[in-house]
Amino acid sequence: MTDPAERGDTAPLAVREAAWYLPEPVVPVAGLAARDETELRTRGGLGIDTVRADDRLSAVELCERAARRVLDRSGVDARELGALILVESRAPETLLSSEATRLQHLLGADTATTLAVGGLGCVSISAALITARGLLAGDPSMDNVLVVHGSKPAAAVRYRHPVTVNGDGGQALLLSRRGLVRILDIAQRTNGRYWDLFQVKYRDRPTAQWHEECGDPATYSFRLAMETRGALSAMLREVLERNGLSQTDIRGFLSHNLSEGSFTFTEESLGIDILPVCRDNLRRYGHLGSNDVFLNLYTALERKELATGDRVVLINASPVAAWSLLLVETGPQEGVA
């Protein structure tokens, strides 16, 4: 296969270093509050045993802890960052203020080009990678782009019926033109017809009354499911063809972590097997939004389920009808931090 970067199709992009901060408190899902028996039954079948949760930490503080780990591990000083990209939290602590520049100040990344991306749920990580690739392509002198996200549920109730249970966690990816995980291709699609399928009504409501609600469960379970099957199938074909690959050239497939049912649906839709690490991390951590796919990738590397030169597809989908596929090539890695 010819490297897309060598063909001139895309600018080279790689993960130089990655780190996570997962809070120590472990919360059993069975002990979380539910509104009725239907929610209890549905939640019990998701395949999630526990989540990490620390209500003392904000999304930005989760970001900061993960970012400091990745900077320490890489030996890069915050003042050396060319750019800082924050994947926005679903519910900022205050309106009008900037969580992106708050993190910039906390880290001391005073000269970094700082911005935020979001609005696509867990697919927002792909938007951040596309932005990072553009920054590196547009400025040959730039290096060390830090992409961070703090996963916190938008509402106090961690269960999003009928989808998943949200945990807390921070992720930091230090991106460059070269690294041990090379991002060969990025595909992303959206369908705006589902922009408000899930929402949290918050105006004039105390935060204790915030609740993630699905406006039409039938649309989510059936119509959007069919849209997802079609979108992911088409995107996978396109990515493989664009890179001169067949499905047999892919060592493994990794998904975002919503539920056991979502894994089965993706496997049947695409005719693939998702690597076991996804189900393991789902059981331990629940859904961590934009952090899922790379946490799964690096956990698989730590467990030596992937080797140098393996090509892997990372699959992401969001209830706002956003989908993304990442084609990556892996190398040897140290353990997840």
Foldseek 3Di string as FASTA:
>chain_A
DDFCVVVVNFFWKFFAFKAKDFADDKAFPQPADDDDPVQNVLAVAFLAGIAGADPVDDWLNLQLVRVVVRCVVNVHQLCQAQAEEEADEPADPDPPDDSFVVSCVVRVNVNHHTDYFYLFWLCRLLVVRVVVRVVCVVDVVHFWYKYKTWFDDNAPRQDAPNWWGTHTMMMITTMGSDHQKIFRDKDKDFDQVQSPQWDWDDPPDDRNPTGIYGPDVVCLVPVLLVVVLVVVQVVVVVVQVVVVHDPVLALAEAEFRIGPVVQVSNCVSNVHHHDPLNSVCCHRHMGRINPRQVVSVQQCLQVVVDAAQHWYWYWYADSSGMIMIIIMGGHHDHHHD
